[in-house]
Amino acid sequence: MMYVKVHGGTVQHGDPPLCHTCRHATVVKGVSARHEIIECRRLSTPHDHVRFPVTSCTGYSDRRQPSLDDMEDIAWVLRTDVKRHQIGFVRAADLPISERLRLARDW
């Protein structure tokens, strides 16, 4: 006999749908729970409406967490100045665009 354990297999009823916190969703709410329109920009055709509460999605991106672009904008880069014998941090946003692109390629 073989046992299979499924993690996250049971949906918790009452949890809000993933779309409410997804950066790819536009959620329009009315006065009651039935009055809700959710559009997903990750679906194949534009303006696709999600008609049921979503509990799992491969395209989910939590808007409560910073995106990669957001983190790159606030990142600090360690720089060395050989001529002055100094080491220090520089904000990535303050670097010339050519250096920012070079950093992105190095990752």
PDB file of N, CA and C in Angstrom:
ATOM      1  N   MET A   1       0.840  -1.166   0.000  1.00  0.00           N
ATOM      2  CA  MET A   1       0.000   0.000   0.000  1.00  0.00           C
ATOM      3  C   MET A   1       0.898   1.247   0.000  1.00  0.00           C
ATOM      4  N   MET A   2       0.520   2.256  -0.789  1.00  0.00           N
ATOM      5  CA  MET A   2       1.300   3.485  -0.884  1.00  0.00           C
ATOM      6  C   MET A   2       0.453   4.655  -0.379  1.00  0.00           C
ATOM      7  N   TYR A   3       1.061   5.503   0.462  1.00  0.00           N
ATOM      8  CA  TYR A   3       0.369   6.679   0.989  1.00  0.00           C
ATOM      9  C   TYR A   3       0.876   7.917   0.263  1.00  0.00           C
ATOM     10  N   VAL A   4      -0.026   8.803  -0.060  1.00  0.00           N
ATOM     11  CA  VAL A   4       0.322  10.057  -0.716  1.00  0.00           C
ATOM     12  C   VAL A   4      -0.139  11.191   0.175  1.00  0.00           C
ATOM     13  N   LYS A   5       0.773  12.105   0.495  1.00  0.00           N
ATOM     14  CA  LYS A   5       0.412  13.264   1.298  1.00  0.00           C
ATOM     15  C   LYS A   5       0.352  14.477   0.381  1.00  0.00           C
ATOM     16  N   VAL A   6      -0.771  15.159   0.394  1.00  0.00           N
ATOM     17  CA  VAL A   6      -0.972  16.333  -0.438  1.00  0.00           C
ATOM     18  C   VAL A   6      -0.867  17.563   0.444  1.00  0.00           C
ATOM     19  N   HIS A   7       0.082  18.453   0.139  1.00  0.00           N
ATOM     20  CA  HIS A   7       0.244  19.703   0.891  1.00  0.00           C
ATOM     21  C   HIS A   7      -0.599  20.790   0.236  1.00  0.00           C
ATOM     22  N   GLY A   8      -1.369  21.496   1.026  1.00  0.00           N
ATOM     23  CA  GLY A   8      -2.192  22.580   0.506  1.00  0.00           C
ATOM     24  C   GLY A   8      -3.339  22.095  -0.364  1.00  0.00           C
ATOM     25  N   GLY A   9      -3.773  20.878  -0.182  1.00  0.00           N
ATOM     26  CA  GLY A   9      -4.820  20.314  -1.019  1.00  0.00           C
ATOM     27  C   GLY A   9      -6.216  20.735  -0.627  1.00  0.00           C
ATOM     28  N   THR A  10      -6.429  21.071   0.629  1.00  0.00           N
ATOM     29  CA  THR A  10      -7.752  21.452   1.098  1.00  0.00           C
ATOM     30  C   THR A  10      -7.863  22.967   1.131  1.00  0.00           C
ATOM     31  N   VAL A  11      -8.840  23.475   0.458  1.00  0.00           N
ATOM     32  CA  VAL A  11      -9.063  24.911   0.405  1.00  0.00           C
ATOM     33  C   VAL A  11      -9.738  25.354   1.695  1.00  0.00           C
ATOM     34  N   GLN A  12      -9.253  26.431   2.268  1.00  0.00           N
ATOM     35  CA  GLN A  12      -9.870  27.001   3.462  1.00  0.00           C
ATOM     36  C   GLN A  12     -11.006  27.925   3.018  1.00  0.00           C
ATOM     37  N   HIS A  13     -12.231  27.535   3.293  1.00  0.00           N
ATOM     38  CA  HIS A  13     -13.365  28.367   2.912  1.00  0.00           C
ATOM     39  C   HIS A  13     -13.375  29.628   3.772  1.00  0.00           C
ATOM     40  N   GLY A  14     -13.679  30.736   3.150  1.00  0.00           N
ATOM     41  CA  GLY A  14     -13.691  31.997   3.863  1.00  0.00           C
ATOM     42  C   GLY A  14     -12.434  32.820   3.608  1.00  0.00           C
ATOM     43  N   ASP A  15     -11.367  32.185   3.086  1.00  0.00           N
ATOM     44  CA  ASP A  15     -10.172  32.941   2.734  1.00  0.00           C
ATOM     45  C   ASP A  15     -10.489  33.816   1.523  1.00  0.00           C
ATOM     46  N   PRO A  16      -9.928  35.028   1.467  1.00  0.00           N
ATOM     47  CA  PRO A  16     -10.179  35.872   0.299  1.00  0.00           C
ATOM     48  C   PRO A  16      -9.529  35.280  -0.950  1.00  0.00           C
ATOM     49  N   PRO A  17     -10.111  35.492  -2.121  1.00  0.00           N
ATOM     50  CA  PRO A  17      -9.506  34.992  -3.358  1.00  0.00           C
ATOM     51  C   PRO A  17      -8.123  35.610  -3.585  1.00  0.00           C
ATOM     52  N   LEU A  18      -7.249  34.872  -4.245  1.00  0.00           N
ATOM     53  CA  LEU A  18      -5.912  35.371  -4.539  1.00  0.00           C
ATOM     54  C   LEU A  18      -5.947  36.660  -5.352  1.00  0.00           C
ATOM     55  N   CYS A  19      -6.931  36.796  -6.208  1.00  0.00           N
ATOM     56  CA  CYS A  19      -7.005  37.968  -7.092  1.00  0.00           C
ATOM     57  C   CYS A  19      -7.038  39.284  -6.316  1.00  0.00           C
ATOM     58  N   HIS A  20      -7.554  39.263  -5.096  1.00  0.00           N
ATOM     59  CA  HIS A  20      -7.654  40.492  -4.313  1.00  0.00           C
ATOM     60  C   HIS A  20      -6.286  41.063  -3.962  1.00  0.00           C
ATOM     61  N   THR A  21      -5.242  40.235  -3.969  1.00  0.00           N
ATOM     62  CA  THR A  21      -3.897  40.717  -3.637  1.00  0.00           C
ATOM     63  C   THR A  21      -2.915  40.531  -4.790  1.00  0.00           C
ATOM     64  N   CYS A  22      -3.409  40.234  -5.991  1.00  0.00           N
ATOM     65  CA  CYS A  22      -2.532  39.990  -7.140  1.00  0.00           C
ATOM     66  C   CYS A  22      -2.312  41.272  -7.933  1.00  0.00           C
ATOM     67  N   ARG A  23      -1.047  41.535  -8.305  1.00  0.00           N
ATOM     68  CA  ARG A  23      -0.753  42.750  -9.059  1.00  0.00           C
ATOM     69  C   ARG A  23      -1.247  42.686 -10.500  1.00  0.00           C
ATOM     70  N   HIS A  24      -1.648  41.521 -10.985  1.00  0.00           N
ATOM     71  CA  HIS A  24      -2.143  41.391 -12.359  1.00  0.00           C
ATOM     72  C   HIS A  24      -3.661  41.525 -12.441  1.00  0.00           C
ATOM     73  N   ALA A  25      -4.327  41.717 -11.315  1.00  0.00           N
ATOM     74  CA  ALA A  25      -5.793  41.751 -11.302  1.00  0.00           C
ATOM     75  C   ALA A  25      -6.309  43.166 -11.075  1.00  0.00           C
ATOM     76  N   THR A  26      -7.412  43.448 -11.727  1.00  0.00           N
ATOM     77  CA  THR A  26      -8.184  44.658 -11.454  1.00  0.00           C
ATOM     78  C   THR A  26      -9.475  44.191 -10.810  1.00  0.00           C
ATOM     79  N   VAL A  27      -9.714  44.633  -9.576  1.00  0.00           N
ATOM     80  CA  VAL A  27     -10.886  44.190  -8.822  1.00  0.00           C
ATOM     81  C   VAL A  27     -11.813  45.380  -8.621  1.00  0.00           C
ATOM     82  N   VAL A  28     -13.039  45.241  -9.107  1.00  0.00           N
ATOM     83  CA  VAL A  28     -14.059  46.269  -8.946  1.00  0.00           C
ATOM     84  C   VAL A  28     -15.141  45.682  -8.056  1.00  0.00           C
ATOM     85  N   LYS A  29     -15.408  46.356  -6.910  1.00  0.00           N
ATOM     86  CA  LYS A  29     -16.396  45.834  -5.960  1.00  0.00           C
ATOM     87  C   LYS A  29     -17.584  46.769  -5.876  1.00  0.00           C
ATOM     88  N   GLY A  30     -18.753  46.159  -5.666  1.00  0.00           N
ATOM     89  CA  GLY A  30     -19.978  46.913  -5.456  1.00  0.00           C
ATOM     90  C   GLY A  30     -20.379  46.847  -3.997  1.00  0.00           C
ATOM     91  N   VAL A  31     -21.641  47.102  -3.733  1.00  0.00           N
ATOM     92  CA  VAL A  31     -22.112  47.159  -2.355  1.00  0.00           C
ATOM     93  C   VAL A  31     -22.276  45.779  -1.716  1.00  0.00           C
ATOM     94  N   SER A  32     -22.443  44.737  -2.513  1.00  0.00           N
ATOM     95  CA  SER A  32     -22.567  43.400  -1.932  1.00  0.00           C
ATOM     96  C   SER A  32     -21.473  42.499  -2.506  1.00  0.00           C
ATOM     97  N   ALA A  33     -21.311  41.332  -1.891  1.00  0.00           N
ATOM     98  CA  ALA A  33     -20.272  40.394  -2.334  1.00  0.00           C
ATOM     99  C   ALA A  33     -20.526  39.908  -3.766  1.00  0.00           C
ATOM    100  N   ARG A  34     -21.784  39.887  -4.168  1.00  0.00           N
ATOM    101  CA  ARG A  34     -22.113  39.456  -5.534  1.00  0.00           C
ATOM    102  C   ARG A  34     -21.706  40.488  -6.569  1.00  0.00           C
ATOM    103  N   HIS A  35     -21.573  41.731  -6.153  1.00  0.00           N
ATOM    104  CA  HIS A  35     -21.229  42.802  -7.078  1.00  0.00           C
ATOM    105  C   HIS A  35     -19.718  42.967  -7.127  1.00  0.00           C
ATOM    106  N   GLU A  36     -19.069  42.107  -7.882  1.00  0.00           N
ATOM    107  CA  GLU A  36     -17.613  42.144  -7.998  1.00  0.00           C
ATOM    108  C   GLU A  36     -17.215  41.717  -9.403  1.00  0.00           C
ATOM    109  N   ILE A  37     -16.323  42.491 -10.003  1.00  0.00           N
ATOM    110  CA  ILE A  37     -15.766  42.151 -11.316  1.00  0.00           C
ATOM    111  C   ILE A  37     -14.255  42.055 -11.137  1.00  0.00           C
ATOM    112  N   ILE A  38     -13.682  40.960 -11.614  1.00  0.00           N
ATOM    113  CA  ILE A  38     -12.233  40.782 -11.542  1.00  0.00           C
ATOM    114  C   ILE A  38     -11.724  40.548 -12.956  1.00  0.00           C
ATOM    115  N   GLU A  39     -10.792  41.416 -13.405  1.00  0.00           N
ATOM    116  CA  GLU A  39     -10.135  41.235 -14.692  1.00  0.00           C
ATOM    117  C   GLU A  39      -8.702  40.820 -14.442  1.00  0.00           C
ATOM    118  N   CYS A  40      -8.229  39.842 -15.194  1.00  0.00           N
ATOM    119  CA  CYS A  40      -6.869  39.350 -15.037  1.00  0.00           C
ATOM    120  C   CYS A  40      -6.064  39.667 -16.292  1.00  0.00           C
ATOM    121  N   ARG A  41      -4.949  40.372 -16.114  1.00  0.00           N
ATOM    122  CA  ARG A  41      -4.089  40.710 -17.250  1.00  0.00           C
ATOM    123  C   ARG A  41      -3.190  39.546 -17.665  1.00  0.00           C
ATOM    124  N   ARG A  42      -3.153  38.469 -16.887  1.00  0.00           N
ATOM    125  CA  ARG A  42      -2.316  37.314 -17.220  1.00  0.00           C
ATOM    126  C   ARG A  42      -3.037  36.299 -18.106  1.00  0.00           C
ATOM    127  N   LEU A  43      -4.345  36.436 -18.261  1.00  0.00           N
ATOM    128  CA  LEU A  43      -5.083  35.499 -19.099  1.00  0.00           C
ATOM    129  C   LEU A  43      -4.835  35.817 -20.570  1.00  0.00           C
ATOM    130  N   SER A  44      -5.143  34.869 -21.443  1.00  0.00           N
ATOM    131  CA  SER A  44      -4.747  34.964 -22.847  1.00  0.00           C
ATOM    132  C   SER A  44      -5.427  36.094 -23.617  1.00  0.00           C
ATOM    133  N   THR A  45      -6.686  36.361 -23.364  1.00  0.00           N
ATOM    134  CA  THR A  45      -7.350  37.431 -24.100  1.00  0.00           C
ATOM    135  C   THR A  45      -7.555  38.623 -23.179  1.00  0.00           C
ATOM    136  N   PRO A  46      -7.421  39.824 -23.713  1.00  0.00           N
ATOM    137  CA  PRO A  46      -7.582  41.002 -22.864  1.00  0.00           C
ATOM    138  C   PRO A  46      -8.989  41.081 -22.268  1.00  0.00           C
ATOM    139  N   HIS A  47      -9.048  41.643 -21.109  1.00  0.00           N
ATOM    140  CA  HIS A  47     -10.314  41.867 -20.401  1.00  0.00           C
ATOM    141  C   HIS A  47     -11.035  40.562 -20.069  1.00  0.00           C
ATOM    142  N   ASP A  48     -10.276  39.501 -19.798  1.00  0.00           N
ATOM    143  CA  ASP A  48     -10.887  38.249 -19.343  1.00  0.00           C
ATOM    144  C   ASP A  48     -11.340  38.422 -17.902  1.00  0.00           C
ATOM    145  N   HIS A  49     -12.577  38.050 -17.640  1.00  0.00           N
ATOM    146  CA  HIS A  49     -13.143  38.152 -16.301  1.00  0.00           C
ATOM    147  C   HIS A  49     -12.992  36.816 -15.579  1.00  0.00           C
ATOM    148  N   VAL A  50     -12.610  36.888 -14.326  1.00  0.00           N
ATOM    149  CA  VAL A  50     -12.550  35.702 -13.478  1.00  0.00           C
ATOM    150  C   VAL A  50     -13.896  35.621 -12.787  1.00  0.00           C
ATOM    151  N   ARG A  51     -14.588  34.525 -12.953  1.00  0.00           N
ATOM    152  CA  ARG A  51     -15.965  34.412 -12.485  1.00  0.00           C
ATOM    153  C   ARG A  51     -16.122  33.564 -11.220  1.00  0.00           C
ATOM    154  N   PHE A  52     -15.015  33.189 -10.587  1.00  0.00           N
ATOM    155  CA  PHE A  52     -15.084  32.359  -9.384  1.00  0.00           C
ATOM    156  C   PHE A  52     -13.921  32.730  -8.468  1.00  0.00           C
ATOM    157  N   PRO A  53     -14.021  32.436  -7.179  1.00  0.00           N
ATOM    158  CA  PRO A  53     -12.926  32.738  -6.261  1.00  0.00           C
ATOM    159  C   PRO A  53     -11.710  31.853  -6.562  1.00  0.00           C
ATOM    160  N   VAL A  54     -10.575  32.460  -6.800  1.00  0.00           N
ATOM    161  CA  VAL A  54      -9.352  31.740  -7.157  1.00  0.00           C
ATOM    162  C   VAL A  54      -8.584  31.388  -5.890  1.00  0.00           C
ATOM    163  N   THR A  55      -8.201  30.114  -5.764  1.00  0.00           N
ATOM    164  CA  THR A  55      -7.430  29.674  -4.595  1.00  0.00           C
ATOM    165  C   THR A  55      -5.997  29.320  -4.958  1.00  0.00           C
ATOM    166  N   SER A  56      -5.715  29.109  -6.240  1.00  0.00           N
ATOM    167  CA  SER A  56      -4.364  28.788  -6.694  1.00  0.00           C
ATOM    168  C   SER A  56      -4.197  29.318  -8.106  1.00  0.00           C
ATOM    169  N   CYS A  57      -3.041  29.916  -8.398  1.00  0.00           N
ATOM    170  CA  CYS A  57      -2.811  30.489  -9.720  1.00  0.00           C
ATOM    171  C   CYS A  57      -1.309  30.513 -10.005  1.00  0.00           C
ATOM    172  N   THR A  58      -0.900  30.014 -11.165  1.00  0.00           N
ATOM    173  CA  THR A  58       0.524  29.994 -11.505  1.00  0.00           C
ATOM    174  C   THR A  58       1.043  31.372 -11.895  1.00  0.00           C
ATOM    175  N   GLY A  59       0.155  32.303 -12.224  1.00  0.00           N
ATOM    176  CA  GLY A  59       0.575  33.652 -12.582  1.00  0.00           C
ATOM    177  C   GLY A  59       0.458  34.648 -11.442  1.00  0.00           C
ATOM    178  N   TYR A  60       0.202  34.152 -10.227  1.00  0.00           N
ATOM    179  CA  TYR A  60      -0.026  35.031  -9.077  1.00  0.00           C
ATOM    180  C   TYR A  60       1.251  35.782  -8.705  1.00  0.00           C
ATOM    181  N   SER A  61       1.106  37.082  -8.480  1.00  0.00           N
ATOM    182  CA  SER A  61       2.201  37.930  -8.010  1.00  0.00           C
ATOM    183  C   SER A  61       1.634  38.846  -6.927  1.00  0.00           C
ATOM    184  N   ASP A  62       2.076  38.659  -5.714  1.00  0.00           N
ATOM    185  CA  ASP A  62       1.524  39.352  -4.547  1.00  0.00           C
ATOM    186  C   ASP A  62       1.890  40.838  -4.588  1.00  0.00           C
ATOM    187  N   ARG A  63       0.873  41.689  -4.723  1.00  0.00           N
ATOM    188  CA  ARG A  63       1.122  43.130  -4.797  1.00  0.00           C
ATOM    189  C   ARG A  63       1.537  43.715  -3.447  1.00  0.00           C
ATOM    190  N   ARG A  64       1.393  42.941  -2.379  1.00  0.00           N
ATOM    191  CA  ARG A  64       1.817  43.408  -1.058  1.00  0.00           C
ATOM    192  C   ARG A  64       3.329  43.289  -0.881  1.00  0.00           C
ATOM    193  N   GLN A  65       3.991  42.564  -1.781  1.00  0.00           N
ATOM    194  CA  GLN A  65       5.447  42.410  -1.754  1.00  0.00           C
ATOM    195  C   GLN A  65       6.037  43.224  -2.901  1.00  0.00           C
ATOM    196  N   PRO A  66       7.213  43.812  -2.710  1.00  0.00           N
ATOM    197  CA  PRO A  66       7.799  44.599  -3.803  1.00  0.00           C
ATOM    198  C   PRO A  66       8.173  43.697  -4.986  1.00  0.00           C
ATOM    199  N   SER A  67       8.026  44.239  -6.184  1.00  0.00           N
ATOM    200  CA  SER A  67       8.412  43.504  -7.388  1.00  0.00           C
ATOM    201  C   SER A  67       9.926  43.582  -7.563  1.00  0.00           C
ATOM    202  N   LEU A  68      10.458  42.833  -8.512  1.00  0.00           N
ATOM    203  CA  LEU A  68      11.891  42.873  -8.787  1.00  0.00           C
ATOM    204  C   LEU A  68      12.314  44.279  -9.201  1.00  0.00           C
ATOM    205  N   ASP A  69      11.512  44.942 -10.029  1.00  0.00           N
ATOM    206  CA  ASP A  69      11.829  46.323 -10.431  1.00  0.00           C
ATOM    207  C   ASP A  69      11.853  47.263  -9.232  1.00  0.00           C
ATOM    208  N   ASP A  70      10.897  47.100  -8.315  1.00  0.00           N
ATOM    209  CA  ASP A  70      10.868  47.931  -7.107  1.00  0.00           C
ATOM    210  C   ASP A  70      12.134  47.723  -6.282  1.00  0.00           C
ATOM    211  N   MET A  71      12.546  46.463  -6.132  1.00  0.00           N
ATOM    212  CA  MET A  71      13.734  46.176  -5.325  1.00  0.00           C
ATOM    213  C   MET A  71      14.999  46.708  -6.000  1.00  0.00           C
ATOM    214  N   GLU A  72      15.060  46.649  -7.329  1.00  0.00           N
ATOM    215  CA  GLU A  72      16.220  47.198  -8.030  1.00  0.00           C
ATOM    216  C   GLU A  72      16.286  48.716  -7.867  1.00  0.00           C
ATOM    217  N   ASP A  73      15.143  49.374  -7.838  1.00  0.00           N
ATOM    218  CA  ASP A  73      15.119  50.834  -7.679  1.00  0.00           C
ATOM    219  C   ASP A  73      15.637  51.274  -6.311  1.00  0.00           C
ATOM    220  N   ILE A  74      15.407  50.471  -5.271  1.00  0.00           N
ATOM    221  CA  ILE A  74      15.830  50.876  -3.932  1.00  0.00           C
ATOM    222  C   ILE A  74      17.151  50.238  -3.506  1.00  0.00           C
ATOM    223  N   ALA A  75      17.741  49.420  -4.387  1.00  0.00           N
ATOM    224  CA  ALA A  75      18.968  48.696  -4.039  1.00  0.00           C
ATOM    225  C   ALA A  75      20.160  49.641  -3.894  1.00  0.00           C
ATOM    226  N   TRP A  76      21.082  49.241  -3.059  1.00  0.00           N
ATOM    227  CA  TRP A  76      22.355  49.937  -2.898  1.00  0.00           C
ATOM    228  C   TRP A  76      23.448  49.049  -3.469  1.00  0.00           C
ATOM    229  N   VAL A  77      24.384  49.645  -4.189  1.00  0.00           N
ATOM    230  CA  VAL A  77      25.460  48.909  -4.836  1.00  0.00           C
ATOM    231  C   VAL A  77      26.768  49.278  -4.148  1.00  0.00           C
ATOM    232  N   LEU A  78      27.562  48.281  -3.798  1.00  0.00           N
ATOM    233  CA  LEU A  78      28.863  48.512  -3.183  1.00  0.00           C
ATOM    234  C   LEU A  78      29.853  48.850  -4.282  1.00  0.00           C
ATOM    235  N   ARG A  79      30.499  50.008  -4.154  1.00  0.00           N
ATOM    236  CA  ARG A  79      31.455  50.487  -5.148  1.00  0.00           C
ATOM    237  C   ARG A  79      32.818  50.683  -4.506  1.00  0.00           C
ATOM    238  N   THR A  80      33.863  50.458  -5.278  1.00  0.00           N
ATOM    239  CA  THR A  80      35.218  50.762  -4.823  1.00  0.00           C
ATOM    240  C   THR A  80      35.813  51.823  -5.740  1.00  0.00           C
ATOM    241  N   ASP A  81      36.481  52.797  -5.129  1.00  0.00           N
ATOM    242  CA  ASP A  81      37.173  53.845  -5.881  1.00  0.00           C
ATOM    243  C   ASP A  81      38.665  53.614  -5.673  1.00  0.00           C
ATOM    244  N   VAL A  82      39.309  53.028  -6.683  1.00  0.00           N
ATOM    245  CA  VAL A  82      40.710  52.640  -6.578  1.00  0.00           C
ATOM    246  C   VAL A  82      41.600  53.865  -6.411  1.00  0.00           C
ATOM    247  N   LYS A  83      41.277  54.946  -7.096  1.00  0.00           N
ATOM    248  CA  LYS A  83      42.115  56.157  -7.038  1.00  0.00           C
ATOM    249  C   LYS A  83      42.108  56.778  -5.640  1.00  0.00           C
ATOM    250  N   ARG A  84      40.960  56.801  -4.991  1.00  0.00           N
ATOM    251  CA  ARG A  84      40.849  57.428  -3.666  1.00  0.00           C
ATOM    252  C   ARG A  84      40.958  56.412  -2.531  1.00  0.00           C
ATOM    253  N   HIS A  85      41.058  55.145  -2.861  1.00  0.00           N
ATOM    254  CA  HIS A  85      41.105  54.068  -1.869  1.00  0.00           C
ATOM    255  C   HIS A  85      39.890  54.118  -0.943  1.00  0.00           C
ATOM    256  N   GLN A  86      38.725  54.264  -1.560  1.00  0.00           N
ATOM    257  CA  GLN A  86      37.475  54.322  -0.801  1.00  0.00           C
ATOM    258  C   GLN A  86      36.531  53.213  -1.250  1.00  0.00           C
ATOM    259  N   ILE A  87      35.754  52.745  -0.304  1.00  0.00           N
ATOM    260  CA  ILE A  87      34.699  51.780  -0.567  1.00  0.00           C
ATOM    261  C   ILE A  87      33.412  52.351   0.010  1.00  0.00           C
ATOM    262  N   GLY A  88      32.330  52.262  -0.739  1.00  0.00           N
ATOM    263  CA  GLY A  88      31.067  52.791  -0.226  1.00  0.00           C
ATOM    264  C   GLY A  88      29.892  52.327  -1.052  1.00  0.00           C
ATOM    265  N   PHE A  89      28.700  52.652  -0.562  1.00  0.00           N
ATOM    266  CA  PHE A  89      27.464  52.249  -1.217  1.00  0.00           C
ATOM    267  C   PHE A  89      26.904  53.401  -2.037  1.00  0.00           C
ATOM    268  N   VAL A  90      26.324  53.053  -3.170  1.00  0.00           N
ATOM    269  CA  VAL A  90      25.679  54.006  -4.062  1.00  0.00           C
ATOM    270  C   VAL A  90      24.296  53.451  -4.367  1.00  0.00           C
ATOM    271  N   ARG A  91      23.297  54.324  -4.378  1.00  0.00           N
ATOM    272  CA  ARG A  91      21.962  53.857  -4.760  1.00  0.00           C
ATOM    273  C   ARG A  91      21.970  53.475  -6.229  1.00  0.00           C
ATOM    274  N   ALA A  92      21.342  52.364  -6.551  1.00  0.00           N
ATOM    275  CA  ALA A  92      21.294  51.908  -7.946  1.00  0.00           C
ATOM    276  C   ALA A  92      20.630  52.959  -8.831  1.00  0.00           C
ATOM    277  N   ALA A  93      19.652  53.676  -8.306  1.00  0.00           N
ATOM    278  CA  ALA A  93      18.958  54.703  -9.080  1.00  0.00           C
ATOM    279  C   ALA A  93      19.874  55.872  -9.429  1.00  0.00           C
ATOM    280  N   ASP A  94      20.968  56.068  -8.657  1.00  0.00           N
ATOM    281  CA  ASP A  94      21.898  57.159  -8.925  1.00  0.00           C
ATOM    282  C   ASP A  94      22.996  56.785  -9.916  1.00  0.00           C
ATOM    283  N   LEU A  95      23.082  55.522 -10.293  1.00  0.00           N
ATOM    284  CA  LEU A  95      24.087  55.083 -11.254  1.00  0.00           C
ATOM    285  C   LEU A  95      23.675  55.486 -12.662  1.00  0.00           C
ATOM    286  N   PRO A  96      24.649  55.725 -13.529  1.00  0.00           N
ATOM    287  CA  PRO A  96      24.309  55.963 -14.937  1.00  0.00           C
ATOM    288  C   PRO A  96      23.606  54.731 -15.517  1.00  0.00           C
ATOM    289  N   ILE A  97      22.753  54.948 -16.495  1.00  0.00           N
ATOM    290  CA  ILE A  97      21.951  53.855 -17.050  1.00  0.00           C
ATOM    291  C   ILE A  97      22.828  52.729 -17.585  1.00  0.00           C
ATOM    292  N   SER A  98      23.992  53.056 -18.142  1.00  0.00           N
ATOM    293  CA  SER A  98      24.872  52.015 -18.686  1.00  0.00           C
ATOM    294  C   SER A  98      25.364  51.085 -17.578  1.00  0.00           C
ATOM    295  N   GLU A  99      25.652  51.636 -16.397  1.00  0.00           N
ATOM    296  CA  GLU A  99      26.094  50.795 -15.285  1.00  0.00           C
ATOM    297  C   GLU A  99      24.951  49.969 -14.718  1.00  0.00           C
ATOM    298  N   ARG A 100      23.733  50.533 -14.708  1.00  0.00           N
ATOM    299  CA  ARG A 100      22.587  49.766 -14.231  1.00  0.00           C
ATOM    300  C   ARG A 100      22.318  48.579 -15.140  1.00  0.00           C
ATOM    301  N   LEU A 101      22.435  48.784 -16.460  1.00  0.00           N
ATOM    302  CA  LEU A 101      22.221  47.694 -17.400  1.00  0.00           C
ATOM    303  C   LEU A 101      23.310  46.634 -17.240  1.00  0.00           C
ATOM    304  N   ARG A 102      24.533  47.069 -16.972  1.00  0.00           N
ATOM    305  CA  ARG A 102      25.621  46.115 -16.786  1.00  0.00           C
ATOM    306  C   ARG A 102      25.385  45.279 -15.527  1.00  0.00           C
ATOM    307  N   LEU A 103      24.870  45.900 -14.452  1.00  0.00           N
ATOM    308  CA  LEU A 103      24.552  45.164 -13.241  1.00  0.00           C
ATOM    309  C   LEU A 103      23.482  44.121 -13.510  1.00  0.00           C
ATOM    310  N   ALA A 104      22.468  44.484 -14.291  1.00  0.00           N
ATOM    311  CA  ALA A 104      21.384  43.552 -14.590  1.00  0.00           C
ATOM    312  C   ALA A 104      21.907  42.347 -15.377  1.00  0.00           C
ATOM    313  N   ARG A 105      22.860  42.569 -16.278  1.00  0.00           N
ATOM    314  CA  ARG A 105      23.418  41.462 -17.056  1.00  0.00           C
ATOM    315  C   ARG A 105      24.262  40.544 -16.184  1.00  0.00           C
ATOM    316  N   ASP A 106      24.932  41.091 -15.161  1.00  0.00           N
ATOM    317  CA  ASP A 106      25.807  40.302 -14.301  1.00  0.00           C
ATOM    318  C   ASP A 106      25.016  39.352 -13.426  1.00  0.00           C
ATOM    319  N   TRP A 107      23.750  39.638 -13.164  1.00  0.00           N
ATOM    320  CA  TRP A 107      22.949  38.776 -12.287  1.00  0.00           C
ATOM    321  C   TRP A 107      22.571  37.601 -13.070  1.00  0.00           C
TER     322      TRP A 107
END
